Amino acid sequence: ALQPVVQAGLAEGFGLELIVDDQDF
């Protein structure tokens, strides 16, 4: 899902950080 965002270059200029936790938390 996030691949098009990255491919479009919109991630330049910020660090996208994915933090993992249970969906209830």
PDB file of all heavy atoms in Angstrom:
ATOM      1  N   ALA A   1       0.827  -1.209   0.000  1.00  0.00           N
ATOM      2  CA  ALA A   1       0.000   0.000   0.000  1.00  0.00           C
ATOM      3  C   ALA A   1       0.859   1.255   0.000  1.00  0.00           C
ATOM      4  O   ALA A   1       0.539   2.252  -0.663  1.00  0.00           O
ATOM      5  CB  ALA A   1      -0.933  -0.008   1.209  1.00  0.00           C
ATOM      6  N   LEU A   2       1.972   1.232   0.733  1.00  0.00           N
ATOM      7  CA  LEU A   2       2.838   2.408   0.827  1.00  0.00           C
ATOM      8  C   LEU A   2       3.807   2.529  -0.342  1.00  0.00           C
ATOM      9  O   LEU A   2       4.436   3.581  -0.525  1.00  0.00           O
ATOM     10  CB  LEU A   2       3.635   2.371   2.140  1.00  0.00           C
ATOM     11  CG  LEU A   2       2.826   2.574   3.420  1.00  0.00           C
ATOM     12  CD1 LEU A   2       3.729   2.415   4.636  1.00  0.00           C
ATOM     13  CD2 LEU A   2       2.154   3.938   3.430  1.00  0.00           C
ATOM     14  N   GLN A   3       3.949   1.471  -1.136  1.00  0.00           N
ATOM     15  CA  GLN A   3       4.897   1.491  -2.246  1.00  0.00           C
ATOM     16  C   GLN A   3       4.686   2.661  -3.209  1.00  0.00           C
ATOM     17  O   GLN A   3       5.655   3.316  -3.598  1.00  0.00           O
ATOM     18  CB  GLN A   3       4.840   0.157  -2.994  1.00  0.00           C
ATOM     19  CG  GLN A   3       5.764   0.043  -4.190  1.00  0.00           C
ATOM     20  CD  GLN A   3       7.245  -0.005  -3.802  1.00  0.00           C
ATOM     21  OE1 GLN A   3       7.583   0.033  -2.616  1.00  0.00           O
ATOM     22  NE2 GLN A   3       8.111  -0.069  -4.788  1.00  0.00           N
ATOM     23  N   PRO A   4       3.452   2.979  -3.628  1.00  0.00           N
ATOM     24  CA  PRO A   4       3.277   4.119  -4.529  1.00  0.00           C
ATOM     25  C   PRO A   4       3.736   5.434  -3.925  1.00  0.00           C
ATOM     26  O   PRO A   4       4.249   6.304  -4.636  1.00  0.00           O
ATOM     27  CB  PRO A   4       1.764   4.130  -4.785  1.00  0.00           C
ATOM     28  CG  PRO A   4       1.319   2.734  -4.537  1.00  0.00           C
ATOM     29  CD  PRO A   4       2.181   2.253  -3.415  1.00  0.00           C
ATOM     30  N   VAL A   5       3.556   5.604  -2.617  1.00  0.00           N
ATOM     31  CA  VAL A   5       4.005   6.820  -1.956  1.00  0.00           C
ATOM     32  C   VAL A   5       5.520   6.940  -2.046  1.00  0.00           C
ATOM     33  O   VAL A   5       6.063   7.992  -2.368  1.00  0.00           O
ATOM     34  CB  VAL A   5       3.557   6.833  -0.479  1.00  0.00           C
ATOM     35  CG1 VAL A   5       4.070   8.070   0.239  1.00  0.00           C
ATOM     36  CG2 VAL A   5       2.048   6.758  -0.376  1.00  0.00           C
ATOM     37  N   VAL A   6       6.205   5.840  -1.779  1.00  0.00           N
ATOM     38  CA  VAL A   6       7.664   5.849  -1.829  1.00  0.00           C
ATOM     39  C   VAL A   6       8.147   6.041  -3.263  1.00  0.00           C
ATOM     40  O   VAL A   6       9.059   6.817  -3.538  1.00  0.00           O
ATOM     41  CB  VAL A   6       8.228   4.546  -1.231  1.00  0.00           C
ATOM     42  CG1 VAL A   6       9.744   4.503  -1.361  1.00  0.00           C
ATOM     43  CG2 VAL A   6       7.811   4.416   0.232  1.00  0.00           C
ATOM     44  N   GLN A   7       7.523   5.335  -4.204  1.00  0.00           N
ATOM     45  CA  GLN A   7       7.927   5.441  -5.605  1.00  0.00           C
ATOM     46  C   GLN A   7       7.729   6.849  -6.142  1.00  0.00           C
ATOM     47  O   GLN A   7       8.503   7.323  -6.962  1.00  0.00           O
ATOM     48  CB  GLN A   7       7.144   4.441  -6.464  1.00  0.00           C
ATOM     49  CG  GLN A   7       7.671   3.025  -6.399  1.00  0.00           C
ATOM     50  CD  GLN A   7       7.013   2.136  -7.426  1.00  0.00           C
ATOM     51  OE1 GLN A   7       5.869   2.352  -7.820  1.00  0.00           O
ATOM     52  NE2 GLN A   7       7.736   1.119  -7.875  1.00  0.00           N
ATOM     53  N   ALA A   8       6.688   7.520  -5.696  1.00  0.00           N
ATOM     54  CA  ALA A   8       6.409   8.873  -6.179  1.00  0.00           C
ATOM     55  C   ALA A   8       7.377   9.897  -5.618  1.00  0.00           C
ATOM     56  O   ALA A   8       7.337  11.061  -5.999  1.00  0.00           O
ATOM     57  CB  ALA A   8       4.975   9.263  -5.835  1.00  0.00           C
ATOM     58  N   GLY A   9       8.218   9.470  -4.699  1.00  0.00           N
ATOM     59  CA  GLY A   9       9.197  10.405  -4.157  1.00  0.00           C
ATOM     60  C   GLY A   9       8.659  11.264  -3.036  1.00  0.00           C
ATOM     61  O   GLY A   9       9.336  12.201  -2.599  1.00  0.00           O
ATOM     62  N   LEU A  10       7.446  10.962  -2.549  1.00  0.00           N
ATOM     63  CA  LEU A  10       6.866  11.793  -1.498  1.00  0.00           C
ATOM     64  C   LEU A  10       7.531  11.555  -0.152  1.00  0.00           C
ATOM     65  O   LEU A  10       7.322  12.319   0.789  1.00  0.00           O
ATOM     66  CB  LEU A  10       5.364  11.518  -1.392  1.00  0.00           C
ATOM     67  CG  LEU A  10       4.555  11.859  -2.641  1.00  0.00           C
ATOM     68  CD1 LEU A  10       3.094  11.493  -2.438  1.00  0.00           C
ATOM     69  CD2 LEU A  10       4.683  13.333  -2.969  1.00  0.00           C
ATOM     70  N   ALA A  11       8.296  10.481  -0.060  1.00  0.00           N
ATOM     71  CA  ALA A  11       8.980  10.205   1.202  1.00  0.00           C
ATOM     72  C   ALA A  11      10.259  11.004   1.340  1.00  0.00           C
ATOM     73  O   ALA A  11      10.896  10.982   2.386  1.00  0.00           O
ATOM     74  CB  ALA A  11       9.286   8.712   1.311  1.00  0.00           C
ATOM     75  N   GLU A  12      10.686  11.716   0.304  1.00  0.00           N
ATOM     76  CA  GLU A  12      11.907  12.515   0.398  1.00  0.00           C
ATOM     77  C   GLU A  12      11.676  13.681   1.347  1.00  0.00           C
ATOM     78  O   GLU A  12      10.663  14.359   1.288  1.00  0.00           O
ATOM     79  CB  GLU A  12      12.305  13.032  -0.986  1.00  0.00           C
ATOM     80  CG  GLU A  12      12.656  11.924  -1.959  1.00  0.00           C
ATOM     81  CD  GLU A  12      13.001  12.465  -3.332  1.00  0.00           C
ATOM     82  OE1 GLU A  12      13.125  13.698  -3.454  1.00  0.00           O
ATOM     83  OE2 GLU A  12      13.135  11.658  -4.261  1.00  0.00           O
ATOM     84  N   GLY A  13      12.637  13.914   2.209  1.00  0.00           N
ATOM     85  CA  GLY A  13      12.532  15.026   3.127  1.00  0.00           C
ATOM     86  C   GLY A  13      11.995  14.638   4.489  1.00  0.00           C
ATOM     87  O   GLY A  13      11.954  15.456   5.386  1.00  0.00           O
ATOM     88  N   PHE A  14      11.585  13.397   4.679  1.00  0.00           N
ATOM     89  CA  PHE A  14      11.185  12.952   6.010  1.00  0.00           C
ATOM     90  C   PHE A  14      11.503  11.480   6.153  1.00  0.00           C
ATOM     91  O   PHE A  14      11.643  10.757   5.170  1.00  0.00           O
ATOM     92  CB  PHE A  14       9.695  13.209   6.272  1.00  0.00           C
ATOM     93  CG  PHE A  14       8.764  12.303   5.508  1.00  0.00           C
ATOM     94  CD1 PHE A  14       8.353  11.100   6.037  1.00  0.00           C
ATOM     95  CD2 PHE A  14       8.294  12.663   4.255  1.00  0.00           C
ATOM     96  CE1 PHE A  14       7.487  10.257   5.343  1.00  0.00           C
ATOM     97  CE2 PHE A  14       7.430  11.840   3.556  1.00  0.00           C
ATOM     98  CZ  PHE A  14       7.026  10.636   4.098  1.00  0.00           C
ATOM     99  N   GLY A  15      11.645  11.057   7.395  1.00  0.00           N
ATOM    100  CA  GLY A  15      11.927   9.663   7.679  1.00  0.00           C
ATOM    101  C   GLY A  15      10.674   8.945   8.111  1.00  0.00           C
ATOM    102  O   GLY A  15      10.168   9.181   9.207  1.00  0.00           O
ATOM    103  N   LEU A  16      10.131   8.102   7.255  1.00  0.00           N
ATOM    104  CA  LEU A  16       8.954   7.310   7.608  1.00  0.00           C
ATOM    105  C   LEU A  16       9.391   6.181   8.526  1.00  0.00           C
ATOM    106  O   LEU A  16      10.266   5.384   8.184  1.00  0.00           O
ATOM    107  CB  LEU A  16       8.294   6.751   6.348  1.00  0.00           C
ATOM    108  CG  LEU A  16       7.087   5.841   6.563  1.00  0.00           C
ATOM    109  CD1 LEU A  16       5.950   6.607   7.240  1.00  0.00           C
ATOM    110  CD2 LEU A  16       6.612   5.252   5.245  1.00  0.00           C
ATOM    111  N   GLU A  17       8.788   6.118   9.700  1.00  0.00           N
ATOM    112  CA  GLU A  17       9.132   5.082  10.669  1.00  0.00           C
ATOM    113  C   GLU A  17       7.892   4.255  10.991  1.00  0.00           C
ATOM    114  O   GLU A  17       6.866   4.792  11.430  1.00  0.00           O
ATOM    115  CB  GLU A  17       9.676   5.702  11.956  1.00  0.00           C
ATOM    116  CG  GLU A  17      10.042   4.668  13.004  1.00  0.00           C
ATOM    117  CD  GLU A  17      10.646   5.283  14.249  1.00  0.00           C
ATOM    118  OE1 GLU A  17      10.740   6.519  14.318  1.00  0.00           O
ATOM    119  OE2 GLU A  17      11.008   4.518  15.166  1.00  0.00           O
ATOM    120  N   LEU A  18       7.971   2.967  10.757  1.00  0.00           N
ATOM    121  CA  LEU A  18       6.871   2.058  11.048  1.00  0.00           C
ATOM    122  C   LEU A  18       7.109   1.417  12.409  1.00  0.00           C
ATOM    123  O   LEU A  18       8.106   0.727  12.608  1.00  0.00           O
ATOM    124  CB  LEU A  18       6.761   0.980   9.972  1.00  0.00           C
ATOM    125  CG  LEU A  18       6.509   1.483   8.542  1.00  0.00           C
ATOM    126  CD1 LEU A  18       6.483   0.316   7.564  1.00  0.00           C
ATOM    127  CD2 LEU A  18       5.218   2.273   8.470  1.00  0.00           C
ATOM    128  N   ILE A  19       6.206   1.679  13.332  1.00  0.00           N
ATOM    129  CA  ILE A  19       6.296   1.132  14.682  1.00  0.00           C
ATOM    130  C   ILE A  19       5.259   0.027  14.820  1.00  0.00           C
ATOM    131  O   ILE A  19       4.081   0.235  14.521  1.00  0.00           O
ATOM    132  CB  ILE A  19       6.070   2.236  15.729  1.00  0.00           C
ATOM    133  CG1 ILE A  19       7.187   3.280  15.623  1.00  0.00           C
ATOM    134  CG2 ILE A  19       6.005   1.652  17.132  1.00  0.00           C
ATOM    135  CD1 ILE A  19       7.000   4.471  16.537  1.00  0.00           C
ATOM    136  N   VAL A  20       5.684  -1.142  15.269  1.00  0.00           N
ATOM    137  CA  VAL A  20       4.812  -2.317  15.295  1.00  0.00           C
ATOM    138  C   VAL A  20       4.266  -2.554  16.694  1.00  0.00           C
ATOM    139  O   VAL A  20       5.010  -2.529  17.682  1.00  0.00           O
ATOM    140  CB  VAL A  20       5.569  -3.572  14.804  1.00  0.00           C
ATOM    141  CG1 VAL A  20       4.685  -4.804  14.912  1.00  0.00           C
ATOM    142  CG2 VAL A  20       6.031  -3.380  13.378  1.00  0.00           C
ATOM    143  N   ASP A  21       2.961  -2.766  16.769  1.00  0.00           N
ATOM    144  CA  ASP A  21       2.314  -3.163  18.019  1.00  0.00           C
ATOM    145  C   ASP A  21       1.027  -3.894  17.663  1.00  0.00           C
ATOM    146  O   ASP A  21       0.605  -3.893  16.502  1.00  0.00           O
ATOM    147  CB  ASP A  21       2.011  -1.936  18.893  1.00  0.00           C
ATOM    148  CG  ASP A  21       1.853  -2.295  20.377  1.00  0.00           C
ATOM    149  OD1 ASP A  21       1.722  -3.497  20.688  1.00  0.00           O
ATOM    150  OD2 ASP A  21       1.863  -1.374  21.211  1.00  0.00           O
ATOM    151  N   ASP A  22       0.414  -4.508  18.655  1.00  0.00           N
ATOM    152  CA  ASP A  22      -0.867  -5.170  18.438  1.00  0.00           C
ATOM    153  C   ASP A  22      -1.910  -4.140  18.028  1.00  0.00           C
ATOM    154  O   ASP A  22      -1.906  -3.000  18.504  1.00  0.00           O
ATOM    155  CB  ASP A  22      -1.299  -5.882  19.726  1.00  0.00           C
ATOM    156  CG  ASP A  22      -2.553  -6.700  19.542  1.00  0.00           C
ATOM    157  OD1 ASP A  22      -2.456  -7.877  19.166  1.00  0.00           O
ATOM    158  OD2 ASP A  22      -3.647  -6.134  19.766  1.00  0.00           O
ATOM    159  N   GLN A  23      -2.829  -4.544  17.139  1.00  0.00           N
ATOM    160  CA  GLN A  23      -3.818  -3.601  16.614  1.00  0.00           C
ATOM    161  C   GLN A  23      -4.725  -3.021  17.693  1.00  0.00           C
ATOM    162  O   GLN A  23      -5.328  -1.961  17.510  1.00  0.00           O
ATOM    163  CB  GLN A  23      -4.680  -4.264  15.524  1.00  0.00           C
ATOM    164  CG  GLN A  23      -5.473  -5.472  15.985  1.00  0.00           C
ATOM    165  CD  GLN A  23      -4.746  -6.777  15.740  1.00  0.00           C
ATOM    166  OE1 GLN A  23      -3.555  -6.769  15.429  1.00  0.00           O
ATOM    167  NE2 GLN A  23      -5.450  -7.884  15.870  1.00  0.00           N
ATOM    168  N   ASP A  24      -4.827  -3.698  18.838  1.00  0.00           N
ATOM    169  CA  ASP A  24      -5.631  -3.177  19.938  1.00  0.00           C
ATOM    170  C   ASP A  24      -4.875  -2.156  20.775  1.00  0.00           C
ATOM    171  O   ASP A  24      -5.465  -1.511  21.655  1.00  0.00           O
ATOM    172  CB  ASP A  24      -6.100  -4.318  20.847  1.00  0.00           C
ATOM    173  CG  ASP A  24      -7.058  -5.270  20.144  1.00  0.00           C
ATOM    174  OD1 ASP A  24      -7.748  -4.825  19.207  1.00  0.00           O
ATOM    175  OD2 ASP A  24      -7.113  -6.448  20.524  1.00  0.00           O
ATOM    176  N   PHE A  25      -3.569  -1.993  20.535  1.00  0.00           N
ATOM    177  CA  PHE A  25      -2.743  -1.123  21.364  1.00  0.00           C
ATOM    178  C   PHE A  25      -2.101   0.027  20.593  1.00  0.00           C
ATOM    179  O   PHE A  25      -1.538   0.936  21.206  1.00  0.00           O
ATOM    180  CB  PHE A  25      -1.638  -1.950  22.049  1.00  0.00           C
ATOM    181  CG  PHE A  25      -2.159  -2.954  23.043  1.00  0.00           C
ATOM    182  CD1 PHE A  25      -2.581  -4.202  22.622  1.00  0.00           C
ATOM    183  CD2 PHE A  25      -2.252  -2.650  24.392  1.00  0.00           C
ATOM    184  CE1 PHE A  25      -3.077  -5.137  23.531  1.00  0.00           C
ATOM    185  CE2 PHE A  25      -2.740  -3.576  25.301  1.00  0.00           C
ATOM    186  CZ  PHE A  25      -3.153  -4.826  24.868  1.00  0.00           C
TER     187      PHE A  25
END
